[in-house]
Amino acid sequence: MTNILPAEAPRIAISLQWDGLVFIDRHLVPEERLDRAFGELATADLSKTIVVEADHRLPYRDVRRLVERLQAAGLSKLALAAELRGR
């Protein structure tokens, strides 16, 4: 089943780069501050969907760990971004 998040839906982008750097809405967040930042997101506005964007070269386990950290912080409204390639 494929669900597409409407373009106008309120969201926060969390990006995981190939080198392990994490960005929240294009702002770099140091590793040691990630859990606190995720907790702050959870208390700020739970109506927004967290869209997880990960470099396609990353192993699935790295993406899964990030999602688990988000869930541990209390964020459950998550979506994974996907890039469509050649149709």
PDB file of N, CA and C in Angstrom:
ATOM      1  N   MET A   1       0.843  -1.176   0.000  1.00  0.00           N
ATOM      2  CA  MET A   1       0.000   0.000   0.000  1.00  0.00           C
ATOM      3  C   MET A   1       0.887   1.238   0.000  1.00  0.00           C
ATOM      4  N   THR A   2       0.557   2.183  -0.840  1.00  0.00           N
ATOM      5  CA  THR A   2       1.320   3.415  -0.949  1.00  0.00           C
ATOM      6  C   THR A   2       0.453   4.573  -0.509  1.00  0.00           C
ATOM      7  N   ASN A   3       0.930   5.310   0.451  1.00  0.00           N
ATOM      8  CA  ASN A   3       0.254   6.530   0.877  1.00  0.00           C
ATOM      9  C   ASN A   3       1.150   7.700   0.524  1.00  0.00           C
ATOM     10  N   ILE A   4       0.567   8.707  -0.071  1.00  0.00           N
ATOM     11  CA  ILE A   4       1.325   9.893  -0.430  1.00  0.00           C
ATOM     12  C   ILE A   4       0.887  11.027   0.468  1.00  0.00           C
ATOM     13  N   LEU A   5       1.845  11.648   1.125  1.00  0.00           N
ATOM     14  CA  LEU A   5       1.581  12.769   2.013  1.00  0.00           C
ATOM     15  C   LEU A   5       1.266  13.996   1.166  1.00  0.00           C
ATOM     16  N   PRO A   6       0.097  14.611   1.358  1.00  0.00           N
ATOM     17  CA  PRO A   6      -0.230  15.807   0.575  1.00  0.00           C
ATOM     18  C   PRO A   6       0.821  16.898   0.743  1.00  0.00           C
ATOM     19  N   ALA A   7       1.074  17.623  -0.314  1.00  0.00           N
ATOM     20  CA  ALA A   7       2.116  18.667  -0.308  1.00  0.00           C
ATOM     21  C   ALA A   7       1.880  19.711   0.773  1.00  0.00           C
ATOM     22  N   GLU A   8       0.628  19.987   1.085  1.00  0.00           N
ATOM     23  CA  GLU A   8       0.334  21.041   2.054  1.00  0.00           C
ATOM     24  C   GLU A   8       0.321  20.535   3.501  1.00  0.00           C
ATOM     25  N   ALA A   9       0.523  19.253   3.704  1.00  0.00           N
ATOM     26  CA  ALA A   9       0.522  18.691   5.057  1.00  0.00           C
ATOM     27  C   ALA A   9       1.682  19.259   5.866  1.00  0.00           C
ATOM     28  N   PRO A  10       1.417  19.674   7.116  1.00  0.00           N
ATOM     29  CA  PRO A  10       2.511  20.192   7.953  1.00  0.00           C
ATOM     30  C   PRO A  10       3.527  19.083   8.233  1.00  0.00           C
ATOM     31  N   ARG A  11       4.794  19.405   8.038  1.00  0.00           N
ATOM     32  CA  ARG A  11       5.825  18.383   8.187  1.00  0.00           C
ATOM     33  C   ARG A  11       7.134  18.974   8.687  1.00  0.00           C
ATOM     34  N   ILE A  12       7.950  18.088   9.195  1.00  0.00           N
ATOM     35  CA  ILE A  12       9.314  18.418   9.593  1.00  0.00           C
ATOM     36  C   ILE A  12      10.196  17.381   8.905  1.00  0.00           C
ATOM     37  N   ALA A  13      11.201  17.847   8.187  1.00  0.00           N
ATOM     38  CA  ALA A  13      12.106  16.935   7.483  1.00  0.00           C
ATOM     39  C   ALA A  13      13.307  16.603   8.354  1.00  0.00           C
ATOM     40  N   ILE A  14      13.582  15.321   8.476  1.00  0.00           N
ATOM     41  CA  ILE A  14      14.784  14.864   9.154  1.00  0.00           C
ATOM     42  C   ILE A  14      15.580  14.073   8.123  1.00  0.00           C
ATOM     43  N   SER A  15      16.776  14.569   7.830  1.00  0.00           N
ATOM     44  CA  SER A  15      17.598  13.977   6.781  1.00  0.00           C
ATOM     45  C   SER A  15      18.826  13.303   7.374  1.00  0.00           C
ATOM     46  N   LEU A  16      19.068  12.089   6.922  1.00  0.00           N
ATOM     47  CA  LEU A  16      20.245  11.336   7.320  1.00  0.00           C
ATOM     48  C   LEU A  16      21.132  11.190   6.092  1.00  0.00           C
ATOM     49  N   GLN A  17      22.314  11.772   6.171  1.00  0.00           N
ATOM     50  CA  GLN A  17      23.253  11.739   5.049  1.00  0.00           C
ATOM     51  C   GLN A  17      24.119  10.491   5.095  1.00  0.00           C
ATOM     52  N   TRP A  18      24.787  10.221   4.003  1.00  0.00           N
ATOM     53  CA  TRP A  18      25.677   9.076   3.875  1.00  0.00           C
ATOM     54  C   TRP A  18      26.761   9.069   4.952  1.00  0.00           C
ATOM     55  N   ASP A  19      27.255  10.257   5.320  1.00  0.00           N
ATOM     56  CA  ASP A  19      28.333  10.358   6.303  1.00  0.00           C
ATOM     57  C   ASP A  19      27.834  10.334   7.744  1.00  0.00           C
ATOM     58  N   GLY A  20      26.535  10.129   7.934  1.00  0.00           N
ATOM     59  CA  GLY A  20      25.966  10.023   9.274  1.00  0.00           C
ATOM     60  C   GLY A  20      25.456  11.326   9.853  1.00  0.00           C
ATOM     61  N   LEU A  21      25.659  12.434   9.162  1.00  0.00           N
ATOM     62  CA  LEU A  21      25.162  13.717   9.650  1.00  0.00           C
ATOM     63  C   LEU A  21      23.638  13.751   9.557  1.00  0.00           C
ATOM     64  N   VAL A  22      23.021  14.375  10.566  1.00  0.00           N
ATOM     65  CA  VAL A  22      21.567  14.470  10.613  1.00  0.00           C
ATOM     66  C   VAL A  22      21.162  15.944  10.597  1.00  0.00           C
ATOM     67  N   PHE A  23      20.184  16.244   9.777  1.00  0.00           N
ATOM     68  CA  PHE A  23      19.655  17.593   9.657  1.00  0.00           C
ATOM     69  C   PHE A  23      18.173  17.574  10.014  1.00  0.00           C
ATOM     70  N   ILE A  24      17.751  18.585  10.748  1.00  0.00           N
ATOM     71  CA  ILE A  24      16.327  18.796  11.008  1.00  0.00           C
ATOM     72  C   ILE A  24      15.963  20.075  10.279  1.00  0.00           C
ATOM     73  N   ASP A  25      15.071  19.927   9.301  1.00  0.00           N
ATOM     74  CA  ASP A  25      14.695  21.065   8.458  1.00  0.00           C
ATOM     75  C   ASP A  25      15.918  21.857   8.008  1.00  0.00           C
ATOM     76  N   ARG A  26      16.889  21.168   7.458  1.00  0.00           N
ATOM     77  CA  ARG A  26      18.116  21.738   6.871  1.00  0.00           C
ATOM     78  C   ARG A  26      19.101  22.325   7.882  1.00  0.00           C
ATOM     79  N   HIS A  27      18.861  22.081   9.169  1.00  0.00           N
ATOM     80  CA  HIS A  27      19.781  22.556  10.205  1.00  0.00           C
ATOM     81  C   HIS A  27      20.530  21.351  10.772  1.00  0.00           C
ATOM     82  N   LEU A  28      21.856  21.400  10.688  1.00  0.00           N
ATOM     83  CA  LEU A  28      22.683  20.315  11.205  1.00  0.00           C
ATOM     84  C   LEU A  28      22.514  20.204  12.713  1.00  0.00           C
ATOM     85  N   VAL A  29      22.299  18.978  13.180  1.00  0.00           N
ATOM     86  CA  VAL A  29      22.186  18.726  14.619  1.00  0.00           C
ATOM     87  C   VAL A  29      23.298  17.744  14.993  1.00  0.00           C
ATOM     88  N   PRO A  30      24.198  18.145  15.883  1.00  0.00           N
ATOM     89  CA  PRO A  30      25.285  17.247  16.290  1.00  0.00           C
ATOM     90  C   PRO A  30      24.741  15.975  16.937  1.00  0.00           C
ATOM     91  N   GLU A  31      25.440  14.882  16.734  1.00  0.00           N
ATOM     92  CA  GLU A  31      25.029  13.570  17.250  1.00  0.00           C
ATOM     93  C   GLU A  31      24.665  13.622  18.737  1.00  0.00           C
ATOM     94  N   GLU A  32      25.474  14.293  19.524  1.00  0.00           N
ATOM     95  CA  GLU A  32      25.238  14.323  20.973  1.00  0.00           C
ATOM     96  C   GLU A  32      23.988  15.116  21.358  1.00  0.00           C
ATOM     97  N   ARG A  33      23.414  15.851  20.441  1.00  0.00           N
ATOM     98  CA  ARG A  33      22.220  16.650  20.729  1.00  0.00           C
ATOM     99  C   ARG A  33      20.954  16.073  20.086  1.00  0.00           C
ATOM    100  N   LEU A  34      21.096  15.004  19.324  1.00  0.00           N
ATOM    101  CA  LEU A  34      19.953  14.457  18.584  1.00  0.00           C
ATOM    102  C   LEU A  34      18.781  14.052  19.467  1.00  0.00           C
ATOM    103  N   ASP A  35      19.036  13.258  20.492  1.00  0.00           N
ATOM    104  CA  ASP A  35      17.921  12.784  21.325  1.00  0.00           C
ATOM    105  C   ASP A  35      17.181  13.944  21.980  1.00  0.00           C
ATOM    106  N   ARG A  36      17.909  14.952  22.426  1.00  0.00           N
ATOM    107  CA  ARG A  36      17.266  16.127  23.013  1.00  0.00           C
ATOM    108  C   ARG A  36      16.434  16.862  21.953  1.00  0.00           C
ATOM    109  N   ALA A  37      16.989  17.015  20.759  1.00  0.00           N
ATOM    110  CA  ALA A  37      16.273  17.696  19.676  1.00  0.00           C
ATOM    111  C   ALA A  37      15.005  16.934  19.300  1.00  0.00           C
ATOM    112  N   PHE A  38      15.083  15.604  19.254  1.00  0.00           N
ATOM    113  CA  PHE A  38      13.896  14.807  18.939  1.00  0.00           C
ATOM    114  C   PHE A  38      12.848  14.957  20.042  1.00  0.00           C
ATOM    115  N   GLY A  39      13.290  14.994  21.290  1.00  0.00           N
ATOM    116  CA  GLY A  39      12.360  15.198  22.398  1.00  0.00           C
ATOM    117  C   GLY A  39      11.677  16.552  22.327  1.00  0.00           C
ATOM    118  N   GLU A  40      12.436  17.572  21.940  1.00  0.00           N
ATOM    119  CA  GLU A  40      11.863  18.910  21.792  1.00  0.00           C
ATOM    120  C   GLU A  40      10.814  18.939  20.677  1.00  0.00           C
ATOM    121  N   LEU A  41      11.067  18.211  19.607  1.00  0.00           N
ATOM    122  CA  LEU A  41      10.075  18.124  18.526  1.00  0.00           C
ATOM    123  C   LEU A  41       8.788  17.482  19.024  1.00  0.00           C
ATOM    124  N   ALA A  42       8.941  16.452  19.838  1.00  0.00           N
ATOM    125  CA  ALA A  42       7.773  15.727  20.346  1.00  0.00           C
ATOM    126  C   ALA A  42       6.912  16.606  21.246  1.00  0.00           C
ATOM    127  N   THR A  43       7.537  17.497  21.990  1.00  0.00           N
ATOM    128  CA  THR A  43       6.754  18.352  22.881  1.00  0.00           C
ATOM    129  C   THR A  43       6.265  19.611  22.189  1.00  0.00           C
ATOM    130  N   ALA A  44       6.865  19.958  21.059  1.00  0.00           N
ATOM    131  CA  ALA A  44       6.510  21.202  20.368  1.00  0.00           C
ATOM    132  C   ALA A  44       5.197  21.087  19.602  1.00  0.00           C
ATOM    133  N   ASP A  45       5.073  20.104  18.729  1.00  0.00           N
ATOM    134  CA  ASP A  45       3.884  20.032  17.883  1.00  0.00           C
ATOM    135  C   ASP A  45       3.746  18.632  17.309  1.00  0.00           C
ATOM    136  N   LEU A  46       2.882  17.832  17.913  1.00  0.00           N
ATOM    137  CA  LEU A  46       2.693  16.460  17.461  1.00  0.00           C
ATOM    138  C   LEU A  46       1.793  16.349  16.235  1.00  0.00           C
ATOM    139  N   SER A  47       1.261  17.474  15.765  1.00  0.00           N
ATOM    140  CA  SER A  47       0.387  17.407  14.594  1.00  0.00           C
ATOM    141  C   SER A  47       1.180  17.322  13.292  1.00  0.00           C
ATOM    142  N   LYS A  48       2.448  17.669  13.343  1.00  0.00           N
ATOM    143  CA  LYS A  48       3.272  17.624  12.135  1.00  0.00           C
ATOM    144  C   LYS A  48       3.799  16.212  11.905  1.00  0.00           C
ATOM    145  N   THR A  49       3.872  15.850  10.645  1.00  0.00           N
ATOM    146  CA  THR A  49       4.444  14.562  10.268  1.00  0.00           C
ATOM    147  C   THR A  49       5.953  14.716  10.141  1.00  0.00           C
ATOM    148  N   ILE A  50       6.674  13.775  10.698  1.00  0.00           N
ATOM    149  CA  ILE A  50       8.123  13.739  10.559  1.00  0.00           C
ATOM    150  C   ILE A  50       8.430  12.945   9.292  1.00  0.00           C
ATOM    151  N   VAL A  51       9.048  13.594   8.328  1.00  0.00           N
ATOM    152  CA  VAL A  51       9.410  12.929   7.082  1.00  0.00           C
ATOM    153  C   VAL A  51      10.897  12.591   7.145  1.00  0.00           C
ATOM    154  N   VAL A  52      11.198  11.318   7.146  1.00  0.00           N
ATOM    155  CA  VAL A  52      12.574  10.841   7.231  1.00  0.00           C
ATOM    156  C   VAL A  52      13.114  10.671   5.811  1.00  0.00           C
ATOM    157  N   GLU A  53      14.181  11.395   5.544  1.00  0.00           N
ATOM    158  CA  GLU A  53      14.861  11.314   4.250  1.00  0.00           C
ATOM    159  C   GLU A  53      16.239  10.733   4.516  1.00  0.00           C
ATOM    160  N   ALA A  54      16.604   9.694   3.796  1.00  0.00           N
ATOM    161  CA  ALA A  54      17.908   9.067   4.008  1.00  0.00           C
ATOM    162  C   ALA A  54      18.597   8.851   2.666  1.00  0.00           C
ATOM    163  N   ASP A  55      19.895   9.021   2.671  1.00  0.00           N
ATOM    164  CA  ASP A  55      20.688   8.774   1.479  1.00  0.00           C
ATOM    165  C   ASP A  55      20.471   7.320   1.037  1.00  0.00           C
ATOM    166  N   HIS A  56      20.248   7.112  -0.227  1.00  0.00           N
ATOM    167  CA  HIS A  56      19.936   5.777  -0.739  1.00  0.00           C
ATOM    168  C   HIS A  56      21.085   4.785  -0.574  1.00  0.00           C
ATOM    169  N   ARG A  57      22.280   5.266  -0.307  1.00  0.00           N
ATOM    170  CA  ARG A  57      23.430   4.368  -0.131  1.00  0.00           C
ATOM    171  C   ARG A  57      23.535   3.808   1.282  1.00  0.00           C
ATOM    172  N   LEU A  58      22.742   4.327   2.206  1.00  0.00           N
ATOM    173  CA  LEU A  58      22.807   3.868   3.594  1.00  0.00           C
ATOM    174  C   LEU A  58      22.195   2.481   3.745  1.00  0.00           C
ATOM    175  N   PRO A  59      22.768   1.672   4.621  1.00  0.00           N
ATOM    176  CA  PRO A  59      22.132   0.389   4.923  1.00  0.00           C
ATOM    177  C   PRO A  59      20.805   0.645   5.641  1.00  0.00           C
ATOM    178  N   TYR A  60      19.859  -0.233   5.408  1.00  0.00           N
ATOM    179  CA  TYR A  60      18.545  -0.099   6.026  1.00  0.00           C
ATOM    180  C   TYR A  60      18.645   0.016   7.540  1.00  0.00           C
ATOM    181  N   ARG A  61      19.579  -0.705   8.150  1.00  0.00           N
ATOM    182  CA  ARG A  61      19.688  -0.695   9.616  1.00  0.00           C
ATOM    183  C   ARG A  61      19.948   0.719  10.157  1.00  0.00           C
ATOM    184  N   ASP A  62      20.679   1.549   9.407  1.00  0.00           N
ATOM    185  CA  ASP A  62      20.952   2.914   9.855  1.00  0.00           C
ATOM    186  C   ASP A  62      19.672   3.750   9.862  1.00  0.00           C
ATOM    187  N   VAL A  63      18.857   3.552   8.858  1.00  0.00           N
ATOM    188  CA  VAL A  63      17.573   4.262   8.787  1.00  0.00           C
ATOM    189  C   VAL A  63      16.656   3.767   9.905  1.00  0.00           C
ATOM    190  N   ARG A  64      16.647   2.455  10.110  1.00  0.00           N
ATOM    191  CA  ARG A  64      15.814   1.870  11.164  1.00  0.00           C
ATOM    192  C   ARG A  64      16.206   2.412  12.538  1.00  0.00           C
ATOM    193  N   ARG A  65      17.508   2.546  12.794  1.00  0.00           N
ATOM    194  CA  ARG A  65      17.970   3.084  14.088  1.00  0.00           C
ATOM    195  C   ARG A  65      17.473   4.518  14.286  1.00  0.00           C
ATOM    196  N   LEU A  66      17.517   5.311  13.223  1.00  0.00           N
ATOM    197  CA  LEU A  66      17.035   6.684  13.310  1.00  0.00           C
ATOM    198  C   LEU A  66      15.541   6.699  13.631  1.00  0.00           C
ATOM    199  N   VAL A  67      14.777   5.863  12.945  1.00  0.00           N
ATOM    200  CA  VAL A  67      13.332   5.786  13.196  1.00  0.00           C
ATOM    201  C   VAL A  67      13.064   5.342  14.635  1.00  0.00           C
ATOM    202  N   GLU A  68      13.832   4.394  15.129  1.00  0.00           N
ATOM    203  CA  GLU A  68      13.667   3.934  16.514  1.00  0.00           C
ATOM    204  C   GLU A  68      13.952   5.052  17.508  1.00  0.00           C
ATOM    205  N   ARG A  69      14.949   5.866  17.230  1.00  0.00           N
ATOM    206  CA  ARG A  69      15.261   7.005  18.114  1.00  0.00           C
ATOM    207  C   ARG A  69      14.125   8.020  18.102  1.00  0.00           C
ATOM    208  N   LEU A  70      13.552   8.247  16.945  1.00  0.00           N
ATOM    209  CA  LEU A  70      12.418   9.172  16.842  1.00  0.00           C
ATOM    210  C   LEU A  70      11.236   8.643  17.651  1.00  0.00           C
ATOM    211  N   GLN A  71      10.956   7.363  17.506  1.00  0.00           N
ATOM    212  CA  GLN A  71       9.849   6.761  18.244  1.00  0.00           C
ATOM    213  C   GLN A  71      10.106   6.791  19.747  1.00  0.00           C
ATOM    214  N   ALA A  72      11.334   6.543  20.169  1.00  0.00           N
ATOM    215  CA  ALA A  72      11.676   6.581  21.594  1.00  0.00           C
ATOM    216  C   ALA A  72      11.470   7.977  22.175  1.00  0.00           C
ATOM    217  N   ALA A  73      11.602   9.002  21.333  1.00  0.00           N
ATOM    218  CA  ALA A  73      11.402  10.381  21.782  1.00  0.00           C
ATOM    219  C   ALA A  73       9.919  10.739  21.849  1.00  0.00           C
ATOM    220  N   GLY A  74       9.065   9.835  21.383  1.00  0.00           N
ATOM    221  CA  GLY A  74       7.630  10.096  21.429  1.00  0.00           C
ATOM    222  C   GLY A  74       7.036  10.547  20.107  1.00  0.00           C
ATOM    223  N   LEU A  75       7.811  10.465  19.053  1.00  0.00           N
ATOM    224  CA  LEU A  75       7.323  10.857  17.730  1.00  0.00           C
ATOM    225  C   LEU A  75       6.817   9.611  17.011  1.00  0.00           C
ATOM    226  N   SER A  76       5.537   9.585  16.695  1.00  0.00           N
ATOM    227  CA  SER A  76       4.978   8.397  16.065  1.00  0.00           C
ATOM    228  C   SER A  76       4.354   8.687  14.707  1.00  0.00           C
ATOM    229  N   LYS A  77       4.205   9.944  14.375  1.00  0.00           N
ATOM    230  CA  LYS A  77       3.624  10.312  13.077  1.00  0.00           C
ATOM    231  C   LYS A  77       4.779  10.474  12.089  1.00  0.00           C
ATOM    232  N   LEU A  78       5.223   9.332  11.544  1.00  0.00           N
ATOM    233  CA  LEU A  78       6.421   9.300  10.711  1.00  0.00           C
ATOM    234  C   LEU A  78       6.082   8.880   9.288  1.00  0.00           C
ATOM    235  N   ALA A  79       6.859   9.391   8.354  1.00  0.00           N
ATOM    236  CA  ALA A  79       6.759   8.991   6.951  1.00  0.00           C
ATOM    237  C   ALA A  79       8.169   8.861   6.411  1.00  0.00           C
ATOM    238  N   LEU A  80       8.369   7.921   5.513  1.00  0.00           N
ATOM    239  CA  LEU A  80       9.658   7.751   4.860  1.00  0.00           C
ATOM    240  C   LEU A  80       9.567   8.338   3.458  1.00  0.00           C
ATOM    241  N   ALA A  81      10.520   9.190   3.119  1.00  0.00           N
ATOM    242  CA  ALA A  81      10.564   9.767   1.781  1.00  0.00           C
ATOM    243  C   ALA A  81      11.167   8.740   0.833  1.00  0.00           C
ATOM    244  N   ALA A  82      10.650   8.698  -0.367  1.00  0.00           N
ATOM    245  CA  ALA A  82      11.178   7.794  -1.383  1.00  0.00           C
ATOM    246  C   ALA A  82      11.353   8.539  -2.688  1.00  0.00           C
ATOM    247  N   GLU A  83      12.364   8.138  -3.404  1.00  0.00           N
ATOM    248  CA  GLU A  83      12.631   8.747  -4.705  1.00  0.00           C
ATOM    249  C   GLU A  83      12.237   7.751  -5.789  1.00  0.00           C
ATOM    250  N   LEU A  84      11.380   8.192  -6.684  1.00  0.00           N
ATOM    251  CA  LEU A  84      10.981   7.313  -7.786  1.00  0.00           C
ATOM    252  C   LEU A  84      12.055   7.362  -8.852  1.00  0.00           C
ATOM    253  N   ARG A  85      12.458   6.198  -9.305  1.00  0.00           N
ATOM    254  CA  ARG A  85      13.496   6.119 -10.335  1.00  0.00           C
ATOM    255  C   ARG A  85      12.913   5.424 -11.554  1.00  0.00           C
ATOM    256  N   GLY A  86      13.258   5.931 -12.709  1.00  0.00           N
ATOM    257  CA  GLY A  86      12.866   5.365 -13.998  1.00  0.00           C
ATOM    258  C   GLY A  86      11.595   4.563 -14.024  1.00  0.00           C
ATOM    259  N   ARG A  87      10.684   4.993 -14.755  1.00  0.00           N
ATOM    260  CA  ARG A  87       9.418   4.259 -14.876  1.00  0.00           C
ATOM    261  C   ARG A  87       9.355   3.525 -16.174  1.00  0.00           C
TER     262      ARG A  87
END
